[in-house]
Amino acid sequence: MNYILYNFLFIVSLTILWALTIYGRVVVNKFYKNNILTNLVFFFVFVKLLLHYTLPTLLRIMSGYKFEMEDDVKLYDLLTIYGIEIISWLFWIIGFLIIGFFYKEKGQRVNKFDLLKMNVSESKFLFIIISIGFIINMYYLVSLRPMNVLFSIFSQLFFFVGISIGPLLIFASKYLNNKFYTFLGVIVLAASLLGIATRGAFVYTIFYFIFIFIYLFYSKKTIKYLSISIFFLIVLKFTFPDLLGGRVTINENGISLVPQDFSEKQGSRSLLDEIEWRLGAPTRAGTAFLYLYDQRPAGMNPIRNSLLGFMPRSLNQNKPYPSAIDANDQFSLGMYLIMGKLYGTETLMVEFPTGAHFFWEFGFLGVVLLSIISGAYIGICSKFLSSKGLISIPLLFATFKPFGYVDPKIWVSDIAMQIYQLVLPAIFLFGLYKSWIIIKILFRIRVKEY
């Protein structure tokens, strides 16, 4: 099969992906009351398709599949990955729609003005709790001090929600009726720069700024805020390249930053080649899942090991590595295995097409069923948060795991982790707010009695 036919098939696949997700957004919005949240979901769906499918596809065609040839990736396998992703996104949207259809919300649709006025006290309470928790969490990570066992239960929630609330607090301070939130947002945003220490995190941070600007605070004033924020990030990127160009490892023992020397790699590639090589890596490496499935399907192992990983390693020395196929092997996660299969290295990871990961687990049955579960999970989160006010945006975004691996089509083994890392701690915080309100009411009643 010559390149002309492959070019045609890749363009057709790309067109189907875009048409499917654009139409999916239109249909999903009809079944969900809070379209700010569904727009957040599909905004990053489109970002994913733009960065990891559209740009690499066009550059591949222009270069004659240069890096596929270098890495000995068969174009038929790459085309298969595109086909798997089409099926996966289709059933992910179906899962999203199932929740919307069977759990119909009453009342009018929530627009951005409703969201900004909705449950403001609850949002303020959670913004403060999560901001404080995030700052403490970053202190633990940077100082490499072991976390308190009780605090570690909330550490993932504080990190993944806290890292995205800084810009939101800055933009929304006037709606929260207190300049304190501007100050708090600046502090949290400054602390979060330690958490966006990769190039991918840098890119997704800018896209997150753009989403907040477009869907919530579009005005001349926010144009200034947005421009200043993006300019600040770009200046930081080029002023401290090691900070935003390093390899960050975060685990129970803390955070470590290892600056990487990209000079040799960058010197051998032009700008377009660099973009093609980096953005095309997930789908290119994702082809290895096809061979891994033939050799050893992952089955339930990644999901089971994620479910068993709820205890801190300080309390359970035999805790399995979440999402790993082998419980005791950190590098048996799919993101490591595909790099090992393609490049012969076991210690480097890469983003991957989630549909291909589903295929590695259960074949095409996994692509269908696990995609439905992933879409239904996002649907449940969207429904639960639909009336929670402004705090709902960073809480929902946290399920995409900002800012290193951002994908609304979450792999199911990651959902298993999120149950105890994000969902249950978040429900506890909402319950804590309700308890605080009850205490205030009871206190006022008692005061009146005396």
Protein backbone atom coordinates (compact mmCIF):
# COMPACT_ATOMS: atom_id res chain seq x y z
CA MET A 1 0.00 0.00 0.00
CA ASN A 2 1.64 3.26 -1.05
CA TYR A 3 1.83 6.52 0.84
CA ILE A 4 -0.96 8.17 -1.17
CA LEU A 5 -3.50 5.62 0.03
CA TYR A 6 -2.22 5.83 3.61
CA ASN A 7 -2.40 9.62 3.46
CA PHE A 8 -6.02 9.36 2.37
CA LEU A 9 -6.92 6.85 5.10
CA PHE A 10 -5.26 8.90 7.85
CA ILE A 11 -7.09 12.05 6.73
CA VAL A 12 -10.39 10.13 6.64
CA SER A 13 -9.74 8.74 10.14
CA LEU A 14 -8.91 12.21 11.41
CA THR A 15 -12.07 13.64 9.85
CA ILE A 16 -14.19 10.92 11.47
CA LEU A 17 -12.62 11.59 14.88
CA TRP A 18 -13.37 15.29 14.69
CA ALA A 19 -16.90 14.84 13.30
CA LEU A 20 -17.69 12.24 15.96
CA THR A 21 -16.52 14.34 18.90
CA ILE A 22 -18.02 17.61 17.62
CA TYR A 23 -21.40 15.95 17.12
CA GLY A 24 -20.97 14.17 20.47
CA ARG A 25 -20.56 17.50 22.23
CA VAL A 26 -23.79 18.82 20.68
CA VAL A 27 -25.76 15.73 21.75
CA VAL A 28 -24.23 15.49 25.23
CA ASN A 29 -25.02 19.15 25.96
CA LYS A 30 -28.72 18.42 25.47
CA PHE A 31 -28.73 15.94 28.36
CA TYR A 32 -26.70 17.93 30.88
CA LYS A 33 -27.89 21.03 32.70
CA ASN A 34 -24.46 22.51 33.39
CA ASN A 35 -22.94 23.01 29.94
CA ILE A 36 -19.92 24.81 31.41
CA LEU A 37 -18.75 21.44 32.71
CA THR A 38 -19.52 19.54 29.52
CA ASN A 39 -17.76 22.27 27.55
CA LEU A 40 -14.75 21.84 29.85
CA VAL A 41 -14.73 18.13 29.05
CA PHE A 42 -15.00 18.56 25.29
CA PHE A 43 -12.62 21.51 25.21
CA PHE A 44 -9.86 19.15 26.33
CA VAL A 45 -11.14 16.40 24.06
CA PHE A 46 -10.54 18.81 21.18
CA VAL A 47 -7.13 19.80 22.62
CA LYS A 48 -6.21 16.11 22.68
CA LEU A 49 -7.31 15.60 19.08
CA LEU A 50 -5.47 18.75 17.99
CA LEU A 51 -2.16 18.00 19.70
CA HIS A 52 -1.87 14.25 19.39
CA TYR A 53 -3.76 13.47 16.20
CA THR A 54 -4.25 16.45 13.90
CA LEU A 55 -0.80 18.05 14.05
CA PRO A 56 1.15 14.75 13.99
CA THR A 57 -0.98 13.45 11.10
CA LEU A 58 -0.38 16.51 8.95
CA LEU A 59 3.33 16.57 9.76
CA ARG A 60 3.65 12.85 9.11
CA ILE A 61 2.18 13.28 5.67
CA MET A 62 4.51 16.22 4.98
CA SER A 63 7.62 14.33 6.12
CA GLY A 64 6.74 11.03 4.48
CA TYR A 65 6.32 9.28 7.85
CA LYS A 66 9.94 10.01 8.73
CA PHE A 67 9.86 8.97 12.39
CA GLU A 68 7.65 5.94 11.77
CA MET A 69 10.33 4.73 9.37
CA GLU A 70 13.10 5.46 11.88
CA ASP A 71 11.32 3.62 14.69
CA ASP A 72 10.23 0.75 12.44
CA VAL A 73 6.54 1.44 13.13
CA LYS A 74 4.29 -0.15 10.53
CA LEU A 75 1.80 2.30 9.05
CA TYR A 76 -0.84 -0.42 9.12
CA ASP A 77 -0.42 -0.66 12.91
CA LEU A 78 -0.61 3.13 13.26
CA LEU A 79 -3.78 3.17 11.19
CA THR A 80 -5.16 0.41 13.43
CA ILE A 81 -4.56 2.65 16.47
CA TYR A 82 -6.54 5.43 14.78
CA GLY A 83 -9.37 2.97 14.12
CA ILE A 84 -9.33 1.79 17.74
CA GLU A 85 -9.51 5.40 18.91
CA ILE A 86 -12.54 6.08 16.70
CA ILE A 87 -14.35 3.10 18.28
CA SER A 88 -13.18 4.12 21.76
CA TRP A 89 -14.35 7.73 21.48
CA LEU A 90 -17.71 6.56 20.07
CA PHE A 91 -18.42 4.33 23.07
CA TRP A 92 -16.99 6.89 25.49
CA ILE A 93 -19.59 9.35 24.22
CA ILE A 94 -22.26 6.64 24.55
CA GLY A 95 -21.25 6.13 28.20
CA PHE A 96 -21.44 9.89 28.75
CA LEU A 97 -24.93 9.95 27.18
CA ILE A 98 -26.19 6.97 29.21
CA ILE A 99 -25.71 8.89 32.46
CA GLY A 100 -27.29 12.02 30.97
CA PHE A 101 -30.30 10.09 29.68
CA PHE A 102 -31.08 8.08 32.81
CA TYR A 103 -30.28 10.81 35.34
CA LYS A 104 -32.22 13.77 34.07
CA GLU A 105 -31.74 17.01 35.98
CA LYS A 106 -34.62 19.33 36.70
CA GLY A 107 -34.57 23.08 36.25
CA GLN A 108 -33.10 25.42 33.69
CA ARG A 109 -29.69 25.08 32.14
CA VAL A 110 -26.78 26.56 34.07
CA ASN A 111 -24.98 29.37 32.25
CA LYS A 112 -21.76 31.01 33.34
CA PHE A 113 -23.57 33.74 35.32
CA ASP A 114 -25.55 31.11 37.24
CA LEU A 115 -22.36 29.18 37.94
CA LEU A 116 -20.60 32.22 39.35
CA LYS A 117 -23.53 32.94 41.71
CA MET A 118 -24.27 29.32 42.63
CA ASN A 119 -23.31 28.10 46.12
CA VAL A 120 -20.75 30.87 46.55
CA SER A 121 -20.25 30.16 50.27
CA GLU A 122 -19.56 26.50 49.60
CA SER A 123 -17.10 27.36 46.83
CA LYS A 124 -15.31 29.86 49.09
CA PHE A 125 -15.04 27.28 51.87
CA LEU A 126 -13.61 24.62 49.56
CA PHE A 127 -11.30 27.07 47.79
CA ILE A 128 -9.72 28.00 51.14
CA ILE A 129 -9.45 24.41 52.41
CA ILE A 130 -7.96 23.11 49.16
CA SER A 131 -5.61 26.09 48.78
CA ILE A 132 -4.20 25.60 52.27
CA GLY A 133 -3.98 21.86 51.69
CA PHE A 134 -2.22 22.39 48.37
CA ILE A 135 0.40 24.73 49.87
CA ILE A 136 1.08 22.27 52.71
CA ASN A 137 1.20 19.44 50.17
CA MET A 138 3.80 21.28 48.07
CA TYR A 139 5.85 21.91 51.21
CA TYR A 140 5.90 18.17 51.92
CA LEU A 141 6.86 17.35 48.33
CA VAL A 142 9.58 19.96 47.95
CA SER A 143 11.11 19.37 51.38
CA LEU A 144 11.01 15.59 50.80
CA ARG A 145 9.45 15.14 54.23
CA PRO A 146 7.19 12.11 54.78
CA MET A 147 3.54 13.06 54.91
CA ASN A 148 1.33 12.52 57.90
CA VAL A 149 -0.77 9.41 57.21
CA LEU A 150 -4.05 11.32 57.69
CA PHE A 151 -2.93 14.14 55.39
CA SER A 152 -1.80 11.64 52.74
CA ILE A 153 -5.43 10.59 52.29
CA PHE A 154 -6.16 14.05 50.90
CA SER A 155 -2.80 14.76 49.26
CA GLN A 156 -3.81 13.73 45.73
CA LEU A 157 -7.03 15.74 45.92
CA PHE A 158 -5.17 18.80 47.22
CA PHE A 159 -2.49 18.46 44.54
CA PHE A 160 -4.61 17.87 41.44
CA VAL A 161 -7.37 20.32 42.39
CA GLY A 162 -5.04 22.90 43.94
CA ILE A 163 -2.76 23.04 40.92
CA SER A 164 -5.65 24.35 38.80
CA ILE A 165 -7.40 26.78 41.16
CA GLY A 166 -4.82 29.59 41.10
CA PRO A 167 -5.88 31.23 37.82
CA LEU A 168 -9.53 30.61 38.60
CA LEU A 169 -9.26 32.44 41.93
CA ILE A 170 -7.48 35.39 40.31
CA PHE A 171 -10.11 35.75 37.58
CA ALA A 172 -13.07 35.14 39.89
CA SER A 173 -12.07 37.28 42.87
CA LYS A 174 -14.61 40.00 42.09
CA TYR A 175 -17.42 37.41 42.01
CA LEU A 176 -16.26 36.06 45.36
CA ASN A 177 -16.52 39.63 46.72
CA ASN A 178 -13.14 39.64 48.42
CA LYS A 179 -9.68 40.70 47.26
CA PHE A 180 -8.27 38.07 49.60
CA TYR A 181 -9.01 35.49 46.91
CA THR A 182 -6.84 37.37 44.42
CA PHE A 183 -3.96 37.20 46.89
CA LEU A 184 -4.70 33.53 47.61
CA GLY A 185 -4.82 32.78 43.88
CA VAL A 186 -1.42 34.39 43.30
CA ILE A 187 0.13 32.37 46.16
CA VAL A 188 -1.37 29.11 44.91
CA LEU A 189 -0.39 29.85 41.30
CA ALA A 190 3.19 30.55 42.39
CA ALA A 191 3.29 27.27 44.35
CA SER A 192 1.75 25.36 41.46
CA LEU A 193 4.67 26.26 39.17
CA LEU A 194 6.55 23.45 40.92
CA GLY A 195 3.82 21.10 39.80
CA ILE A 196 3.92 22.07 36.12
CA ALA A 197 7.55 21.16 35.65
CA THR A 198 7.23 19.44 32.27
CA ARG A 199 6.67 20.76 28.78
CA GLY A 200 3.33 19.03 28.50
CA ALA A 201 2.25 20.57 31.80
CA PHE A 202 3.30 23.98 30.49
CA VAL A 203 1.16 23.58 27.35
CA TYR A 204 -1.90 22.32 29.23
CA THR A 205 -1.61 25.18 31.72
CA ILE A 206 -1.93 27.68 28.89
CA PHE A 207 -4.92 25.82 27.47
CA TYR A 208 -6.53 25.86 30.92
CA PHE A 209 -6.06 29.64 31.07
CA ILE A 210 -7.69 29.90 27.65
CA PHE A 211 -10.69 27.81 28.71
CA ILE A 212 -11.32 29.95 31.79
CA PHE A 213 -11.03 33.07 29.67
CA ILE A 214 -13.32 31.91 26.84
CA TYR A 215 -16.09 30.26 28.85
CA LEU A 216 -16.22 32.31 32.04
CA PHE A 217 -14.56 35.71 32.07
CA TYR A 218 -14.46 37.00 28.53
CA SER A 219 -13.89 40.77 28.76
CA LYS A 220 -11.27 43.39 27.96
CA LYS A 221 -10.01 43.20 31.52
CA THR A 222 -9.51 39.44 31.40
CA ILE A 223 -7.74 39.77 28.06
CA LYS A 224 -5.14 41.73 30.01
CA TYR A 225 -5.03 39.13 32.79
CA LEU A 226 -4.79 36.28 30.32
CA SER A 227 -2.04 37.96 28.29
CA ILE A 228 -0.03 38.78 31.42
CA SER A 229 -0.42 35.23 32.76
CA ILE A 230 0.63 33.54 29.53
CA PHE A 231 3.50 36.03 29.08
CA PHE A 232 4.64 35.28 32.64
CA LEU A 233 4.64 31.53 31.97
CA ILE A 234 6.54 31.93 28.70
CA VAL A 235 9.15 34.17 30.34
CA LEU A 236 9.50 31.64 33.16
CA LYS A 237 9.87 28.86 30.61
CA PHE A 238 12.80 30.52 28.87
CA THR A 239 14.34 32.05 32.00
CA PHE A 240 14.35 28.78 33.98
CA PRO A 241 14.40 26.04 31.36
CA ASP A 242 15.50 23.42 33.86
CA LEU A 243 12.41 24.05 35.98
CA LEU A 244 9.95 23.56 33.13
CA GLY A 245 12.09 21.16 31.17
CA GLY A 246 12.96 18.60 33.80
CA ARG A 247 11.77 15.19 34.76
CA VAL A 248 9.63 15.32 37.88
CA THR A 249 9.04 12.29 40.04
CA ILE A 250 6.38 12.48 42.73
CA ASN A 251 5.78 9.62 45.14
CA GLU A 252 5.32 8.94 48.84
CA ASN A 253 8.88 10.11 49.47
CA GLY A 254 8.53 13.53 47.87
CA ILE A 255 9.24 15.33 44.63
CA SER A 256 12.51 15.29 42.73
CA LEU A 257 13.40 17.36 39.68
CA VAL A 258 16.03 16.04 37.29
CA PRO A 259 16.99 18.61 34.63
CA GLN A 260 17.31 17.05 31.20
CA ASP A 261 19.71 18.06 28.45
CA PHE A 262 17.73 18.32 25.24
CA SER A 263 20.42 20.19 23.32
CA GLU A 264 21.69 17.15 21.43
CA LYS A 265 18.18 16.03 20.47
CA GLN A 266 17.01 19.50 19.52
CA GLY A 267 20.13 20.17 17.51
CA SER A 268 19.39 17.23 15.24
CA ARG A 269 15.78 18.18 14.55
CA SER A 270 14.08 21.22 13.08
CA LEU A 271 11.14 22.85 14.86
CA LEU A 272 8.58 20.99 12.73
CA ASP A 273 10.47 17.74 13.23
CA GLU A 274 10.52 18.35 16.99
CA ILE A 275 6.75 18.89 17.02
CA GLU A 276 6.12 15.81 14.91
CA TRP A 277 8.47 13.67 17.01
CA ARG A 278 7.04 14.74 20.37
CA LEU A 279 3.34 15.04 19.60
CA GLY A 280 3.34 11.93 17.47
CA ALA A 281 5.03 9.83 20.19
CA PRO A 282 1.79 8.67 21.93
CA THR A 283 0.21 7.15 18.82
CA ARG A 284 3.56 5.94 17.48
CA ALA A 285 4.46 4.20 20.76
CA GLY A 286 0.83 3.16 21.23
CA THR A 287 1.20 0.68 18.39
CA ALA A 288 3.24 -1.45 20.80
CA PHE A 289 0.01 -2.25 22.68
CA LEU A 290 -1.05 -4.37 19.71
CA TYR A 291 2.01 -6.60 20.18
CA LEU A 292 1.82 -6.56 23.98
CA TYR A 293 -1.75 -7.86 23.75
CA ASP A 294 -0.59 -10.75 21.57
CA GLN A 295 2.23 -11.56 23.98
CA ARG A 296 0.43 -11.04 27.28
CA PRO A 297 -2.93 -9.28 27.69
CA ALA A 298 -3.02 -7.06 30.76
CA GLY A 299 -6.50 -8.28 31.75
CA MET A 300 -7.68 -7.15 35.17
CA ASN A 301 -4.17 -6.68 36.55
CA PRO A 302 -3.91 -2.87 36.11
CA ILE A 303 -7.41 -2.33 37.52
CA ARG A 304 -6.93 -4.76 40.41
CA ASN A 305 -3.55 -3.32 41.38
CA SER A 306 -5.05 0.18 41.32
CA LEU A 307 -7.91 -0.86 43.61
CA LEU A 308 -5.46 -2.47 46.05
CA GLY A 309 -3.26 0.62 46.16
CA PHE A 310 -5.34 2.70 48.57
CA MET A 311 -3.06 2.21 51.59
CA PRO A 312 0.09 4.40 51.84
CA ARG A 313 3.30 2.45 51.24
CA SER A 314 4.46 3.49 54.72
CA LEU A 315 1.66 1.30 56.13
CA ASN A 316 1.68 -1.40 53.48
CA GLN A 317 5.13 -2.33 52.23
CA ASN A 318 3.57 -4.84 49.81
CA LYS A 319 1.33 -2.24 48.21
CA PRO A 320 1.09 -2.98 44.46
CA TYR A 321 2.03 -0.36 41.92
CA PRO A 322 -1.25 1.13 40.61
CA SER A 323 -2.06 0.42 36.94
CA ALA A 324 0.86 -2.01 36.69
CA ILE A 325 0.52 -5.44 35.11
CA ASP A 326 2.96 -6.85 37.68
CA ALA A 327 2.18 -5.72 41.22
CA ASN A 328 5.83 -5.41 42.30
CA ASP A 329 7.25 -3.91 39.10
CA GLN A 330 7.00 -0.13 38.82
CA PHE A 331 8.00 -0.25 35.15
CA SER A 332 5.28 -2.70 34.13
CA LEU A 333 2.81 0.13 33.56
CA GLY A 334 1.67 0.43 29.96
CA MET A 335 3.33 3.85 29.55
CA TYR A 336 6.71 2.27 30.32
CA LEU A 337 6.20 -1.00 28.46
CA ILE A 338 5.39 0.61 25.13
CA MET A 339 8.53 2.74 25.32
CA GLY A 340 10.55 -0.36 26.15
CA LYS A 341 8.99 -2.20 23.22
CA LEU A 342 9.69 0.64 20.80
CA TYR A 343 13.03 2.03 22.02
CA GLY A 344 14.41 -0.69 24.30
CA THR A 345 14.36 1.51 27.42
CA GLU A 346 12.38 0.61 30.53
CA THR A 347 12.57 3.85 32.50
CA LEU A 348 10.94 6.36 30.13
CA MET A 349 7.20 6.91 29.97
CA VAL A 350 4.94 8.46 27.36
CA GLU A 351 1.31 9.43 27.03
CA PHE A 352 -0.68 6.86 25.12
CA PRO A 353 -4.01 6.48 23.33
CA THR A 354 -6.39 5.27 26.03
CA GLY A 355 -8.28 3.14 23.53
CA ALA A 356 -5.06 1.26 22.80
CA HIS A 357 -4.58 0.70 26.56
CA PHE A 358 -8.12 -0.70 26.72
CA PHE A 359 -7.22 -3.01 23.83
CA TRP A 360 -4.13 -4.22 25.71
CA GLU A 361 -6.38 -5.18 28.62
CA PHE A 362 -9.24 -7.07 26.97
CA GLY A 363 -8.93 -6.70 23.20
CA PHE A 364 -11.77 -5.10 21.27
CA LEU A 365 -14.22 -6.04 24.04
CA GLY A 366 -12.14 -3.86 26.36
CA VAL A 367 -12.18 -0.98 23.86
CA VAL A 368 -16.00 -1.04 23.95
CA LEU A 369 -16.73 -1.76 27.63
CA LEU A 370 -13.94 0.23 29.25
CA SER A 371 -14.65 3.24 27.02
CA ILE A 372 -18.29 3.15 28.17
CA ILE A 373 -17.17 3.00 31.82
CA SER A 374 -14.80 5.93 31.27
CA GLY A 375 -17.53 8.06 29.66
CA ALA A 376 -20.05 7.12 32.34
CA TYR A 377 -17.56 8.11 35.06
CA ILE A 378 -17.13 11.57 33.54
CA GLY A 379 -20.91 11.79 33.23
CA ILE A 380 -21.42 10.93 36.91
CA CYS A 381 -18.80 13.49 37.96
CA SER A 382 -20.44 16.14 35.74
CA LYS A 383 -23.88 15.42 37.21
CA PHE A 384 -22.66 15.45 40.80
CA LEU A 385 -20.81 18.73 40.34
CA SER A 386 -23.47 20.44 38.20
CA SER A 387 -24.88 22.42 41.14
CA LYS A 388 -21.67 22.92 43.12
CA GLY A 389 -20.75 26.34 41.79
CA LEU A 390 -17.35 27.63 40.72
CA ILE A 391 -15.38 24.98 42.60
CA SER A 392 -16.84 22.39 40.21
CA ILE A 393 -14.44 23.42 37.42
CA PRO A 394 -11.14 22.52 39.14
CA LEU A 395 -12.77 19.47 40.74
CA LEU A 396 -13.84 18.10 37.35
CA PHE A 397 -10.56 19.10 35.75
CA ALA A 398 -8.74 17.16 38.49
CA THR A 399 -10.20 13.95 37.08
CA PHE A 400 -8.17 14.59 33.89
CA LYS A 401 -5.03 14.58 36.09
CA PRO A 402 -3.56 18.00 35.32
CA PHE A 403 -1.08 18.86 34.08
CA GLY A 404 1.04 16.03 32.79
CA TYR A 405 -1.43 13.57 31.29
CA VAL A 406 -4.67 15.34 30.41
CA ASP A 407 -7.34 13.17 28.80
CA PRO A 408 -11.09 13.13 29.54
CA LYS A 409 -11.19 9.52 28.26
CA ILE A 410 -9.63 8.24 31.45
CA TRP A 411 -8.20 4.72 31.57
CA VAL A 412 -10.29 2.61 33.95
CA SER A 413 -7.38 1.59 36.19
CA ASP A 414 -6.91 5.32 36.84
CA ILE A 415 -10.61 5.64 37.69
CA ALA A 416 -10.07 2.88 40.27
CA MET A 417 -7.37 5.06 41.90
CA GLN A 418 -9.51 8.17 41.73
CA ILE A 419 -12.20 6.57 43.88
CA TYR A 420 -9.96 6.83 46.96
CA GLN A 421 -7.64 9.61 45.78
CA LEU A 422 -10.24 12.15 44.60
CA VAL A 423 -13.88 11.04 44.87
CA LEU A 424 -14.17 9.98 48.52
CA PRO A 425 -11.95 12.84 49.85
CA ALA A 426 -13.99 15.36 47.82
CA ILE A 427 -17.27 13.96 49.18
CA PHE A 428 -15.80 14.26 52.67
CA LEU A 429 -15.00 17.95 52.11
CA PHE A 430 -18.54 18.61 50.86
CA GLY A 431 -19.82 16.83 53.97
CA LEU A 432 -17.47 18.93 56.12
CA TYR A 433 -19.02 22.09 54.67
CA LYS A 434 -22.54 20.81 55.41
CA SER A 435 -21.47 20.02 58.97
CA TRP A 436 -20.04 23.53 59.34
CA ILE A 437 -23.34 25.04 58.21
CA ILE A 438 -25.30 22.86 60.67
CA ILE A 439 -22.99 23.88 63.53
CA LYS A 440 -23.46 27.57 62.66
CA ILE A 441 -27.25 27.15 62.60
CA LEU A 442 -27.29 25.29 65.92
CA PHE A 443 -24.99 27.88 67.48
CA ARG A 444 -27.26 30.73 66.39
CA ILE A 445 -30.32 28.94 67.77
CA ARG A 446 -28.61 28.41 71.11
CA VAL A 447 -27.56 32.05 71.26
CA LYS A 448 -31.16 33.14 70.64
CA GLU A 449 -32.43 30.83 73.41
CA TYR A 450 -30.22 32.62 75.93
